[in-house]
N, C-alpha and C. Protein backbone atom coordinates (compact mmCIF):
# COMPACT_ATOMS: atom_id res chain seq x y z
N MET A 1 -14.64 5.25 20.39
CA MET A 1 -15.11 6.43 19.71
C MET A 1 -14.39 6.56 18.37
N SER A 2 -15.11 6.73 17.32
CA SER A 2 -14.55 6.85 15.99
C SER A 2 -14.26 8.32 15.69
N ASP A 3 -13.11 8.57 15.09
CA ASP A 3 -12.77 9.94 14.73
C ASP A 3 -12.99 10.21 13.24
N GLY A 4 -13.63 9.27 12.55
CA GLY A 4 -13.91 9.45 11.13
C GLY A 4 -12.84 8.91 10.21
N ASN A 5 -11.73 8.44 10.77
CA ASN A 5 -10.64 7.92 9.96
C ASN A 5 -10.68 6.41 9.80
N ASP A 6 -11.67 5.75 10.42
CA ASP A 6 -11.73 4.29 10.36
C ASP A 6 -11.74 3.78 8.93
N SER A 7 -12.52 4.40 8.05
CA SER A 7 -12.60 3.92 6.68
C SER A 7 -11.29 4.13 5.94
N VAL A 8 -10.59 5.23 6.24
CA VAL A 8 -9.31 5.49 5.60
C VAL A 8 -8.29 4.45 6.03
N PHE A 9 -8.22 4.18 7.34
CA PHE A 9 -7.24 3.22 7.83
C PHE A 9 -7.59 1.80 7.42
N SER A 10 -8.86 1.47 7.39
CA SER A 10 -9.23 0.12 6.96
C SER A 10 -8.90 -0.08 5.48
N ALA A 11 -8.86 1.00 4.71
CA ALA A 11 -8.50 0.90 3.30
C ALA A 11 -7.04 0.51 3.12
N LEU A 12 -6.23 0.73 4.15
CA LEU A 12 -4.82 0.40 4.06
C LEU A 12 -4.57 -1.09 4.30
N LEU A 13 -5.54 -1.79 4.83
CA LEU A 13 -5.36 -3.21 5.10
C LEU A 13 -5.62 -4.02 3.83
N PRO A 14 -4.88 -5.12 3.64
CA PRO A 14 -5.14 -5.96 2.46
C PRO A 14 -6.57 -6.46 2.46
N ARG A 15 -7.16 -6.52 1.29
CA ARG A 15 -8.57 -6.94 1.19
C ARG A 15 -8.73 -8.42 1.50
N ASN A 16 -7.78 -9.21 1.08
CA ASN A 16 -7.87 -10.64 1.35
C ASN A 16 -6.94 -10.98 2.50
N SER A 17 -7.14 -12.13 3.10
CA SER A 17 -6.25 -12.53 4.18
C SER A 17 -4.85 -12.68 3.62
N ARG A 18 -3.88 -12.62 4.45
CA ARG A 18 -2.48 -12.69 4.01
C ARG A 18 -2.23 -13.97 3.22
N ASN A 19 -2.42 -13.88 1.94
CA ASN A 19 -2.20 -15.00 1.04
C ASN A 19 -0.70 -15.23 0.92
N PRO A 20 -0.21 -16.40 1.30
CA PRO A 20 1.24 -16.62 1.26
C PRO A 20 1.82 -16.56 -0.15
N VAL A 21 0.97 -16.69 -1.16
CA VAL A 21 1.44 -16.64 -2.54
C VAL A 21 1.72 -15.19 -2.95
N MET A 22 1.05 -14.25 -2.33
CA MET A 22 1.25 -12.84 -2.67
C MET A 22 2.65 -12.41 -2.25
N THR A 23 3.30 -11.69 -3.09
CA THR A 23 4.63 -11.19 -2.78
C THR A 23 4.51 -9.91 -1.95
N ARG A 24 5.61 -9.55 -1.31
CA ARG A 24 5.63 -8.28 -0.58
C ARG A 24 5.34 -7.14 -1.56
N ARG A 25 5.87 -7.24 -2.79
CA ARG A 25 5.64 -6.21 -3.80
C ARG A 25 4.15 -6.03 -4.05
N SER A 26 3.44 -7.13 -4.24
CA SER A 26 2.01 -7.01 -4.54
C SER A 26 1.22 -6.49 -3.35
N LEU A 27 1.64 -6.83 -2.14
CA LEU A 27 0.96 -6.29 -0.96
C LEU A 27 1.15 -4.77 -0.86
N TYR A 28 2.38 -4.32 -1.11
CA TYR A 28 2.64 -2.87 -1.08
C TYR A 28 1.88 -2.15 -2.18
N LEU A 29 1.80 -2.75 -3.36
CA LEU A 29 1.06 -2.12 -4.45
C LEU A 29 -0.44 -2.06 -4.14
N GLU A 30 -0.94 -3.09 -3.47
CA GLU A 30 -2.35 -3.10 -3.07
C GLU A 30 -2.61 -1.96 -2.08
N LYS A 31 -1.70 -1.76 -1.15
CA LYS A 31 -1.86 -0.67 -0.18
C LYS A 31 -1.74 0.69 -0.87
N ALA A 32 -0.84 0.79 -1.85
CA ALA A 32 -0.71 2.04 -2.60
C ALA A 32 -2.01 2.37 -3.33
N LYS A 33 -2.61 1.36 -3.94
CA LYS A 33 -3.88 1.57 -4.64
C LYS A 33 -4.98 1.98 -3.66
N ALA A 34 -4.99 1.35 -2.49
CA ALA A 34 -6.01 1.69 -1.49
C ALA A 34 -5.86 3.14 -1.05
N CYS A 35 -4.63 3.60 -0.88
CA CYS A 35 -4.40 4.99 -0.51
C CYS A 35 -4.84 5.94 -1.62
N ALA A 36 -4.51 5.60 -2.84
CA ALA A 36 -4.91 6.43 -3.96
C ALA A 36 -6.44 6.49 -4.09
N ASP A 37 -7.09 5.34 -3.90
CA ASP A 37 -8.55 5.31 -3.95
C ASP A 37 -9.15 6.16 -2.84
N ALA A 38 -8.56 6.06 -1.63
CA ALA A 38 -9.05 6.86 -0.50
C ALA A 38 -8.83 8.34 -0.77
N ALA A 39 -7.74 8.69 -1.44
CA ALA A 39 -7.46 10.09 -1.76
C ALA A 39 -8.53 10.65 -2.71
N LYS A 40 -9.00 9.82 -3.63
CA LYS A 40 -10.04 10.26 -4.55
C LYS A 40 -11.33 10.61 -3.82
N LYS A 41 -11.56 9.94 -2.67
CA LYS A 41 -12.79 10.14 -1.91
C LYS A 41 -12.65 11.19 -0.81
N ALA A 42 -11.42 11.63 -0.56
CA ALA A 42 -11.19 12.60 0.52
C ALA A 42 -11.82 13.94 0.17
N HIS A 43 -12.43 14.55 1.17
CA HIS A 43 -13.08 15.84 0.96
C HIS A 43 -12.14 16.99 1.28
N ASP A 44 -11.10 16.70 2.04
CA ASP A 44 -10.14 17.71 2.46
C ASP A 44 -8.89 17.61 1.59
N LEU A 45 -8.46 18.72 1.02
CA LEU A 45 -7.31 18.72 0.13
C LEU A 45 -6.04 18.23 0.84
N GLY A 46 -5.86 18.66 2.08
CA GLY A 46 -4.68 18.23 2.85
C GLY A 46 -4.66 16.73 3.05
N GLU A 47 -5.81 16.16 3.37
CA GLU A 47 -5.90 14.70 3.55
C GLU A 47 -5.62 13.99 2.22
N CYS A 48 -6.12 14.53 1.15
CA CYS A 48 -5.89 13.95 -0.17
C CYS A 48 -4.40 13.93 -0.50
N ILE A 49 -3.73 15.03 -0.25
CA ILE A 49 -2.29 15.12 -0.52
C ILE A 49 -1.52 14.12 0.33
N GLU A 50 -1.87 14.03 1.62
CA GLU A 50 -1.18 13.10 2.51
C GLU A 50 -1.39 11.65 2.07
N LEU A 51 -2.60 11.31 1.67
CA LEU A 51 -2.87 9.95 1.20
C LEU A 51 -2.09 9.64 -0.07
N LEU A 52 -1.98 10.60 -0.96
CA LEU A 52 -1.20 10.38 -2.19
C LEU A 52 0.29 10.23 -1.87
N GLN A 53 0.77 10.95 -0.86
CA GLN A 53 2.16 10.81 -0.44
C GLN A 53 2.41 9.44 0.16
N VAL A 54 1.46 8.95 0.95
CA VAL A 54 1.59 7.61 1.52
C VAL A 54 1.56 6.57 0.39
N SER A 55 0.68 6.78 -0.57
CA SER A 55 0.61 5.89 -1.72
C SER A 55 1.95 5.84 -2.45
N GLU A 56 2.55 7.00 -2.64
CA GLU A 56 3.85 7.07 -3.31
C GLU A 56 4.91 6.28 -2.53
N ARG A 57 4.88 6.38 -1.21
CA ARG A 57 5.84 5.64 -0.37
C ARG A 57 5.63 4.13 -0.51
N PHE A 58 4.38 3.71 -0.58
CA PHE A 58 4.11 2.28 -0.76
C PHE A 58 4.64 1.81 -2.12
N ILE A 59 4.54 2.65 -3.14
CA ILE A 59 5.07 2.29 -4.46
C ILE A 59 6.59 2.13 -4.38
N LEU A 60 7.24 3.05 -3.68
CA LEU A 60 8.69 2.94 -3.50
C LEU A 60 9.05 1.67 -2.74
N LEU A 61 8.28 1.34 -1.71
CA LEU A 61 8.51 0.09 -0.98
C LEU A 61 8.31 -1.12 -1.88
N ALA A 62 7.32 -1.06 -2.75
CA ALA A 62 7.06 -2.16 -3.68
C ALA A 62 8.24 -2.35 -4.62
N GLU A 63 8.79 -1.25 -5.12
CA GLU A 63 9.96 -1.34 -6.00
C GLU A 63 11.14 -1.95 -5.26
N HIS A 64 11.35 -1.52 -4.02
CA HIS A 64 12.44 -2.07 -3.22
C HIS A 64 12.23 -3.55 -2.95
N ALA A 65 11.00 -3.93 -2.62
CA ALA A 65 10.69 -5.34 -2.36
C ALA A 65 10.93 -6.19 -3.61
N ALA A 66 10.55 -5.66 -4.77
CA ALA A 66 10.75 -6.40 -6.01
C ALA A 66 12.23 -6.64 -6.26
N LYS A 67 13.05 -5.61 -6.03
CA LYS A 67 14.50 -5.76 -6.21
C LYS A 67 15.05 -6.79 -5.22
N SER A 68 14.57 -6.75 -3.98
CA SER A 68 15.03 -7.70 -2.96
C SER A 68 14.64 -9.12 -3.32
N GLU A 69 13.40 -9.29 -3.80
CA GLU A 69 12.94 -10.63 -4.18
C GLU A 69 13.73 -11.16 -5.36
N LEU A 70 14.06 -10.28 -6.32
CA LEU A 70 14.86 -10.69 -7.46
C LEU A 70 16.26 -11.10 -7.00
N HIS A 71 16.83 -10.32 -6.11
CA HIS A 71 18.15 -10.64 -5.57
C HIS A 71 18.11 -11.97 -4.83
N ASP A 72 17.08 -12.18 -4.02
CA ASP A 72 16.95 -13.44 -3.26
C ASP A 72 16.86 -14.64 -4.20
N ARG A 73 16.14 -14.48 -5.31
CA ARG A 73 16.02 -15.59 -6.28
C ARG A 73 17.36 -15.90 -6.93
N LYS A 74 18.12 -14.84 -7.23
CA LYS A 74 19.45 -15.05 -7.84
C LYS A 74 20.39 -15.75 -6.87
N VAL A 75 20.30 -15.42 -5.58
CA VAL A 75 21.16 -16.02 -4.57
C VAL A 75 20.81 -17.49 -4.39
N GLU A 76 19.51 -17.82 -4.47
CA GLU A 76 19.06 -19.22 -4.29
C GLU A 76 19.53 -20.11 -5.42
N GLN A 77 19.76 -19.56 -6.60
CA GLN A 77 20.11 -20.38 -7.77
C GLN A 77 21.50 -20.86 -7.70
């Protein structure tokens, strides 16, 4: 039974299969964009706000992932 959230949750999944070339940063940014896009389509203000908050968290995760990846590259050198 669908509760109407299927399209919102499916928007959180990466559009392409897990491409090994994609960084964690780019995956998080893709999810952030999907949340922001879903927020634009939300009819309920509360849902829109929650989706934008989730999008913001994905952006923070992307920033953290980018710093971690940079650190990992420096350690490998």
